[in-house]
Amino acid sequence: MPVSDLSAHLGYWLRFVSNHVSLAFARKVEGHGVTVAEWVLLRVLHGEPPTAPSRLADRLGLTRGAVSKLADRLLAKGLIVRAASESDRRAHTLALTPEGAALVPVLAALADENDAEFFAGLTPQERAVIAGALRRIVETRGLRAVPVD
């Protein structure tokens, strides 16, 4: 039985590019004291009212434990605050601190810069086709978990 070449697999090329894009971005955000996973949570909180961790977990497709660990790290860095819920004192919400809110646009610019560096060789139409195809895969496969690592 013939064995297909590794480079014949689309998944190989997706992973190859993804690893390089992700590593470069991780190095950029780490220069600002956060991980990619922390950046994702900061970005989701940006412009939102105080949000329950359970809602964040649902939105990101993460476990509540994973959100709790990310939140603990961001709390320790002074980038988010935790407050008791006004409607249920047993529950709490998370929100950006002024420092966290100021950091999000800086990190977003790094994300834009990283994309520009890696995808500059593609036309806008090629980028749109790739993005559309990947979104279709996400939809048809019912993928929910946001990539954080």
C-alpha atoms as a PDB file:
ATOM      1  CA  MET A   1       0.000   0.000   0.000  1.00  0.00           C
ATOM      2  CA  PRO A   2       1.554   3.371  -1.000  1.00  0.00           C
ATOM      3  CA  VAL A   3       2.248   5.932   1.704  1.00  0.00           C
ATOM      4  CA  SER A   4       1.412   9.517   0.846  1.00  0.00           C
ATOM      5  CA  ASP A   5       4.115  12.122   1.141  1.00  0.00           C
ATOM      6  CA  LEU A   6       3.892  14.347   4.204  1.00  0.00           C
ATOM      7  CA  SER A   7       3.750  17.459   2.028  1.00  0.00           C
ATOM      8  CA  ALA A   8       0.705  16.073   0.213  1.00  0.00           C
ATOM      9  CA  HIS A   9      -1.448  16.821   3.258  1.00  0.00           C
ATOM     10  CA  LEU A  10      -3.171  20.167   3.597  1.00  0.00           C
ATOM     11  CA  GLY A  11      -3.083  19.731   7.373  1.00  0.00           C
ATOM     12  CA  TYR A  12       0.703  19.589   7.220  1.00  0.00           C
ATOM     13  CA  TRP A  13       0.871  22.958   5.447  1.00  0.00           C
ATOM     14  CA  LEU A  14      -1.718  24.523   7.767  1.00  0.00           C
ATOM     15  CA  ARG A  15       0.240  23.388  10.815  1.00  0.00           C
ATOM     16  CA  PHE A  16       3.556  24.440   9.266  1.00  0.00           C
ATOM     17  CA  VAL A  17       2.349  27.998   8.638  1.00  0.00           C
ATOM     18  CA  SER A  18       0.344  28.177  11.862  1.00  0.00           C
ATOM     19  CA  ASN A  19       3.318  27.189  13.995  1.00  0.00           C
ATOM     20  CA  HIS A  20       5.508  29.889  12.486  1.00  0.00           C
ATOM     21  CA  VAL A  21       2.823  32.586  12.662  1.00  0.00           C
ATOM     22  CA  SER A  22       1.966  31.645  16.252  1.00  0.00           C
ATOM     23  CA  LEU A  23       5.567  31.490  17.442  1.00  0.00           C
ATOM     24  CA  ALA A  24       6.378  34.897  15.988  1.00  0.00           C
ATOM     25  CA  PHE A  25       3.277  36.398  17.611  1.00  0.00           C
ATOM     26  CA  ALA A  26       4.031  34.720  20.941  1.00  0.00           C
ATOM     27  CA  ARG A  27       7.480  36.306  20.946  1.00  0.00           C
ATOM     28  CA  LYS A  28       5.974  39.717  20.204  1.00  0.00           C
ATOM     29  CA  VAL A  29       3.379  39.631  22.998  1.00  0.00           C
ATOM     30  CA  GLU A  30       5.793  38.096  25.494  1.00  0.00           C
ATOM     31  CA  GLY A  31       7.798  41.294  25.101  1.00  0.00           C
ATOM     32  CA  HIS A  32       4.810  42.969  26.765  1.00  0.00           C
ATOM     33  CA  GLY A  33       4.602  40.440  29.578  1.00  0.00           C
ATOM     34  CA  VAL A  34       1.684  38.313  28.372  1.00  0.00           C
ATOM     35  CA  THR A  35       1.154  34.990  26.655  1.00  0.00           C
ATOM     36  CA  VAL A  36      -0.982  34.424  23.568  1.00  0.00           C
ATOM     37  CA  ALA A  37      -3.661  32.801  25.746  1.00  0.00           C
ATOM     38  CA  GLU A  38      -3.703  35.839  28.031  1.00  0.00           C
ATOM     39  CA  TRP A  39      -3.928  38.109  24.981  1.00  0.00           C
ATOM     40  CA  VAL A  40      -7.009  36.217  23.798  1.00  0.00           C
ATOM     41  CA  LEU A  41      -8.772  36.745  27.124  1.00  0.00           C
ATOM     42  CA  LEU A  42      -7.754  40.408  27.253  1.00  0.00           C
ATOM     43  CA  ARG A  43      -9.054  40.938  23.710  1.00  0.00           C
ATOM     44  CA  VAL A  44     -12.387  39.286  24.493  1.00  0.00           C
ATOM     45  CA  LEU A  45     -12.822  41.486  27.574  1.00  0.00           C
ATOM     46  CA  HIS A  46     -11.908  44.664  25.657  1.00  0.00           C
ATOM     47  CA  GLY A  47     -14.908  46.945  25.229  1.00  0.00           C
ATOM     48  CA  GLU A  48     -17.175  44.582  27.176  1.00  0.00           C
ATOM     49  CA  PRO A  49     -18.919  45.162  30.486  1.00  0.00           C
ATOM     50  CA  PRO A  50     -17.750  43.061  33.446  1.00  0.00           C
ATOM     51  CA  THR A  51     -18.290  39.465  32.362  1.00  0.00           C
ATOM     52  CA  ALA A  52     -18.781  36.208  34.260  1.00  0.00           C
ATOM     53  CA  PRO A  53     -15.970  33.688  33.795  1.00  0.00           C
ATOM     54  CA  SER A  54     -18.537  31.059  32.790  1.00  0.00           C
ATOM     55  CA  ARG A  55     -19.685  33.288  29.933  1.00  0.00           C
ATOM     56  CA  LEU A  56     -16.081  33.789  28.836  1.00  0.00           C
ATOM     57  CA  ALA A  57     -15.520  30.028  28.932  1.00  0.00           C
ATOM     58  CA  ASP A  58     -18.579  29.461  26.739  1.00  0.00           C
ATOM     59  CA  ARG A  59     -17.570  32.188  24.324  1.00  0.00           C
ATOM     60  CA  LEU A  60     -14.010  30.896  23.982  1.00  0.00           C
ATOM     61  CA  GLY A  61     -14.876  27.203  24.034  1.00  0.00           C
ATOM     62  CA  LEU A  62     -12.586  26.721  27.041  1.00  0.00           C
ATOM     63  CA  THR A  63     -13.210  25.022  30.349  1.00  0.00           C
ATOM     64  CA  ARG A  64     -14.054  27.178  33.319  1.00  0.00           C
ATOM     65  CA  GLY A  65     -10.861  25.950  34.921  1.00  0.00           C
ATOM     66  CA  ALA A  66      -8.796  27.196  31.972  1.00  0.00           C
ATOM     67  CA  VAL A  67     -10.450  30.622  32.151  1.00  0.00           C
ATOM     68  CA  SER A  68      -9.880  30.684  35.905  1.00  0.00           C
ATOM     69  CA  LYS A  69      -6.151  29.984  35.466  1.00  0.00           C
ATOM     70  CA  LEU A  70      -5.829  32.682  32.802  1.00  0.00           C
ATOM     71  CA  ALA A  71      -7.759  35.116  34.977  1.00  0.00           C
ATOM     72  CA  ASP A  72      -5.535  34.402  37.982  1.00  0.00           C
ATOM     73  CA  ARG A  73      -2.428  35.185  35.920  1.00  0.00           C
ATOM     74  CA  LEU A  74      -3.928  38.408  34.546  1.00  0.00           C
ATOM     75  CA  LEU A  75      -5.100  39.446  38.028  1.00  0.00           C
ATOM     76  CA  ALA A  76      -1.554  38.975  39.328  1.00  0.00           C
ATOM     77  CA  LYS A  77      -0.271  41.175  36.492  1.00  0.00           C
ATOM     78  CA  GLY A  78      -2.803  43.886  37.305  1.00  0.00           C
ATOM     79  CA  LEU A  79      -4.440  43.681  33.863  1.00  0.00           C
ATOM     80  CA  ILE A  80      -7.908  42.589  35.005  1.00  0.00           C
ATOM     81  CA  VAL A  81     -10.026  42.908  38.141  1.00  0.00           C
ATOM     82  CA  ARG A  82     -12.446  40.472  39.712  1.00  0.00           C
ATOM     83  CA  ALA A  83     -15.593  41.834  41.337  1.00  0.00           C
ATOM     84  CA  ALA A  84     -18.540  40.260  43.106  1.00  0.00           C
ATOM     85  CA  SER A  85     -21.646  40.144  40.951  1.00  0.00           C
ATOM     86  CA  GLU A  86     -24.246  42.717  41.880  1.00  0.00           C
ATOM     87  CA  SER A  87     -27.058  40.187  41.428  1.00  0.00           C
ATOM     88  CA  ASP A  88     -25.417  37.159  43.113  1.00  0.00           C
ATOM     89  CA  ARG A  89     -22.689  37.660  45.708  1.00  0.00           C
ATOM     90  CA  ARG A  90     -21.474  34.059  45.144  1.00  0.00           C
ATOM     91  CA  ALA A  91     -20.706  34.866  41.515  1.00  0.00           C
ATOM     92  CA  HIS A  92     -18.098  37.256  40.182  1.00  0.00           C
ATOM     93  CA  THR A  93     -17.190  39.092  37.019  1.00  0.00           C
ATOM     94  CA  LEU A  94     -13.963  39.968  35.255  1.00  0.00           C
ATOM     95  CA  ALA A  95     -13.087  43.276  33.633  1.00  0.00           C
ATOM     96  CA  LEU A  96     -10.016  45.033  32.288  1.00  0.00           C
ATOM     97  CA  THR A  97      -8.110  47.435  34.493  1.00  0.00           C
ATOM     98  CA  PRO A  98      -7.054  50.745  32.916  1.00  0.00           C
ATOM     99  CA  GLU A  99      -3.623  49.139  32.348  1.00  0.00           C
ATOM    100  CA  GLY A 100      -5.219  46.140  30.651  1.00  0.00           C
ATOM    101  CA  ALA A 101      -7.439  48.360  28.502  1.00  0.00           C
ATOM    102  CA  ALA A 102      -4.396  50.383  27.428  1.00  0.00           C
ATOM    103  CA  LEU A 103      -2.433  47.245  26.564  1.00  0.00           C
ATOM    104  CA  VAL A 104      -5.056  45.696  24.263  1.00  0.00           C
ATOM    105  CA  PRO A 105      -4.593  48.171  21.362  1.00  0.00           C
ATOM    106  CA  VAL A 106      -0.814  47.724  21.606  1.00  0.00           C
ATOM    107  CA  LEU A 107      -1.162  43.939  21.359  1.00  0.00           C
ATOM    108  CA  ALA A 108      -3.771  44.235  18.605  1.00  0.00           C
ATOM    109  CA  ALA A 109      -1.285  46.282  16.584  1.00  0.00           C
ATOM    110  CA  LEU A 110       1.260  43.494  17.081  1.00  0.00           C
ATOM    111  CA  ALA A 111      -1.278  40.964  15.824  1.00  0.00           C
ATOM    112  CA  ASP A 112      -1.895  43.126  12.749  1.00  0.00           C
ATOM    113  CA  GLU A 113       1.860  43.513  12.230  1.00  0.00           C
ATOM    114  CA  ASN A 114       2.385  39.764  12.544  1.00  0.00           C
ATOM    115  CA  ASP A 115      -0.317  39.051   9.959  1.00  0.00           C
ATOM    116  CA  ALA A 116       1.168  41.636   7.618  1.00  0.00           C
ATOM    117  CA  GLU A 117       4.623  40.086   7.930  1.00  0.00           C
ATOM    118  CA  PHE A 118       3.452  36.551   7.209  1.00  0.00           C
ATOM    119  CA  PHE A 119       0.771  37.191   4.614  1.00  0.00           C
ATOM    120  CA  ALA A 120       2.240  40.131   2.704  1.00  0.00           C
ATOM    121  CA  GLY A 121       2.960  37.851  -0.262  1.00  0.00           C
ATOM    122  CA  LEU A 122      -0.744  37.193  -0.771  1.00  0.00           C
ATOM    123  CA  THR A 123      -3.159  39.431  -2.600  1.00  0.00           C
ATOM    124  CA  PRO A 124      -6.197  40.682  -0.691  1.00  0.00           C
ATOM    125  CA  GLN A 125      -8.298  38.281  -2.772  1.00  0.00           C
ATOM    126  CA  GLU A 126      -6.079  35.314  -1.833  1.00  0.00           C
ATOM    127  CA  ARG A 127      -6.294  36.258   1.831  1.00  0.00           C
ATOM    128  CA  ALA A 128     -10.080  36.485   1.569  1.00  0.00           C
ATOM    129  CA  VAL A 129     -10.307  33.066  -0.096  1.00  0.00           C
ATOM    130  CA  ILE A 130      -8.131  31.441   2.588  1.00  0.00           C
ATOM    131  CA  ALA A 131     -10.037  33.138   5.417  1.00  0.00           C
ATOM    132  CA  GLY A 132     -13.370  32.129   3.886  1.00  0.00           C
ATOM    133  CA  ALA A 133     -12.287  28.517   3.446  1.00  0.00           C
ATOM    134  CA  LEU A 134     -11.032  28.301   7.019  1.00  0.00           C
ATOM    135  CA  ARG A 135     -14.253  29.849   8.373  1.00  0.00           C
ATOM    136  CA  ARG A 136     -16.266  27.295   6.384  1.00  0.00           C
ATOM    137  CA  ILE A 137     -14.252  24.480   7.939  1.00  0.00           C
ATOM    138  CA  VAL A 138     -14.892  25.932  11.397  1.00  0.00           C
ATOM    139  CA  GLU A 139     -18.625  26.133  10.668  1.00  0.00           C
ATOM    140  CA  THR A 140     -19.036  22.733   9.031  1.00  0.00           C
ATOM    141  CA  ARG A 141     -16.984  20.962  11.700  1.00  0.00           C
ATOM    142  CA  GLY A 142     -18.718  22.870  14.506  1.00  0.00           C
ATOM    143  CA  LEU A 143     -15.398  23.993  15.965  1.00  0.00           C
ATOM    144  CA  ARG A 144     -15.779  26.206  19.025  1.00  0.00           C
ATOM    145  CA  ALA A 145     -12.594  26.324  21.048  1.00  0.00           C
ATOM    146  CA  VAL A 146     -10.607  29.449  20.308  1.00  0.00           C
ATOM    147  CA  PRO A 147      -6.949  28.662  19.692  1.00  0.00           C
ATOM    148  CA  VAL A 148      -4.992  29.998  22.638  1.00  0.00           C
ATOM    149  CA  ASP A 149      -1.743  28.049  22.473  1.00  0.00           C
END
